[in-house]
Amino acid sequence: MKKKILIVDDEKSICLLLENFLAQDYEVVSFNDGIEGLVWLEKNLPDLIISDIQMPNMDGYEFLTSVRQKGFTKHTPVIMLSGKSESKERIKCYRLGAQDYLTKPFNPEELEELVKKNMFPIHFAIEW
């Protein structure tokens, strides 16, 4: 069974790009709003979440905070996406509980490595 990734990004083109890139190896579900993502999380548990920061209705910081406050998603790895590259943005995400931070536009190979790193932590790796 494929591992499941939740994508939350208000840019439909980014969702489509991520879906197309990741769907070969993972089951991918995407939403264009943090609130919709949280509703989906009430009945589903992904193996990884990828979330944009700048979104209407609920930004990525609020979304991440809500994910971390829920008992069943408290330890789900989260990769944050942003058009901002300032370190203060990354630090804020890390302090709120994100595992990684990727700046848009991103290199698909880097995304692939971050997904693998978070889906298959090194202490579970079979080979080096």
Foldseek 3Di string as FASTA:
>chain_A
DFFEEEEEALDVVVLVVCCVLCVVRHHYDYDPDLVVVVVVVVPDDGQEYEYEADHPPAGPLRSLLVLCVDPRSVPRAYEYEYQDDDVVVVVSCVVSPHPYYAYPPGDSVVVVVVVCCSNQPPVNDPDD
